[in-house]
Protein backbone atom coordinates (compact mmCIF):
# COMPACT_ATOMS: atom_id res chain seq x y z
CA MET A 1 0.00 0.00 0.00
CA ASN A 2 1.32 3.41 -0.89
CA ARG A 3 0.28 6.89 0.22
CA ASP A 4 -2.32 7.24 -2.55
CA ASP A 5 -3.86 3.87 -1.67
CA LEU A 6 -4.09 4.87 1.98
CA GLN A 7 -5.65 8.23 1.13
CA ALA A 8 -8.22 6.53 -1.12
CA TRP A 9 -9.13 4.12 1.70
CA LEU A 10 -9.42 6.98 4.19
CA ASP A 11 -11.65 8.91 1.78
CA ARG A 12 -13.94 5.85 1.47
CA TYR A 13 -13.93 5.48 5.28
CA VAL A 14 -15.06 9.09 5.76
CA ALA A 15 -17.74 8.71 3.08
CA ALA A 16 -19.03 5.53 4.74
CA TRP A 17 -19.01 7.23 8.15
CA ARG A 18 -20.99 10.20 6.80
CA THR A 19 -23.59 8.18 4.89
CA TYR A 20 -23.91 5.08 7.06
CA ASP A 21 -24.19 2.98 3.93
CA ARG A 22 -23.68 -0.53 5.23
CA ALA A 23 -22.32 -1.86 1.93
CA ALA A 24 -19.78 0.98 1.83
CA VAL A 25 -18.75 0.25 5.42
CA GLU A 26 -18.32 -3.46 4.78
CA ALA A 27 -16.36 -2.82 1.56
CA LEU A 28 -13.66 -1.16 3.65
CA PHE A 29 -12.75 -4.39 5.40
CA THR A 30 -11.63 -7.91 4.56
CA PRO A 31 -13.88 -10.83 5.54
CA ASP A 32 -11.57 -11.64 8.48
CA ALA A 33 -10.95 -8.05 9.62
CA VAL A 34 -10.62 -7.19 13.30
CA TYR A 35 -11.97 -3.76 14.27
CA ARG A 36 -11.39 -2.04 17.60
CA TRP A 37 -12.69 1.48 18.07
CA ARG A 38 -11.48 1.92 21.63
CA PRO A 39 -8.19 0.77 23.12
CA TYR A 40 -9.57 -1.35 25.97
CA GLY A 41 -12.18 -4.02 26.53
CA ALA A 42 -12.83 -7.25 24.68
CA HIS A 43 -16.47 -6.23 24.11
CA ARG A 44 -15.16 -3.52 21.82
CA ILE A 45 -13.56 -5.90 19.33
CA LEU A 46 -15.46 -6.90 16.20
CA ARG A 47 -14.40 -9.72 13.91
CA GLY A 48 -15.41 -9.88 10.26
CA ARG A 49 -16.86 -7.33 7.88
CA ASP A 50 -20.44 -8.43 8.55
CA ALA A 51 -20.07 -7.79 12.28
CA ILE A 52 -18.38 -4.47 11.63
CA GLY A 53 -21.13 -3.35 9.24
CA ALA A 54 -23.88 -4.44 11.62
CA ARG A 55 -22.33 -2.60 14.56
CA TRP A 56 -21.89 0.61 12.59
CA MET A 57 -25.61 0.55 11.78
CA GLU A 58 -26.59 0.13 15.44
CA GLU A 59 -25.22 3.40 16.78
CA PRO A 60 -24.70 6.25 14.33
CA ASP A 61 -22.01 8.66 15.45
CA GLU A 62 -23.68 11.88 16.56
CA SER A 63 -20.60 13.93 15.68
CA ARG A 64 -20.81 13.48 11.91
CA SER A 65 -20.07 16.72 10.12
CA ASP A 66 -22.70 16.33 7.40
CA GLY A 67 -25.58 17.69 9.47
CA GLN A 68 -27.26 14.29 9.68
CA GLY A 69 -25.95 13.42 13.11
């Protein structure tokens, strides 16, 4: 992965975060991805793109900058 690849992934991440499009969220991750959004606690670890996508849909982030949150 080079700098351009990373920037493209980050741009897709932000777009998914703003729209809460589950397919866009899941497309960011591999089928066996491990996602941790806080540094501590086993309950905060998700495994697999389906689990990650489902969790993102459960609690939209109120701080989104698009006026939807």
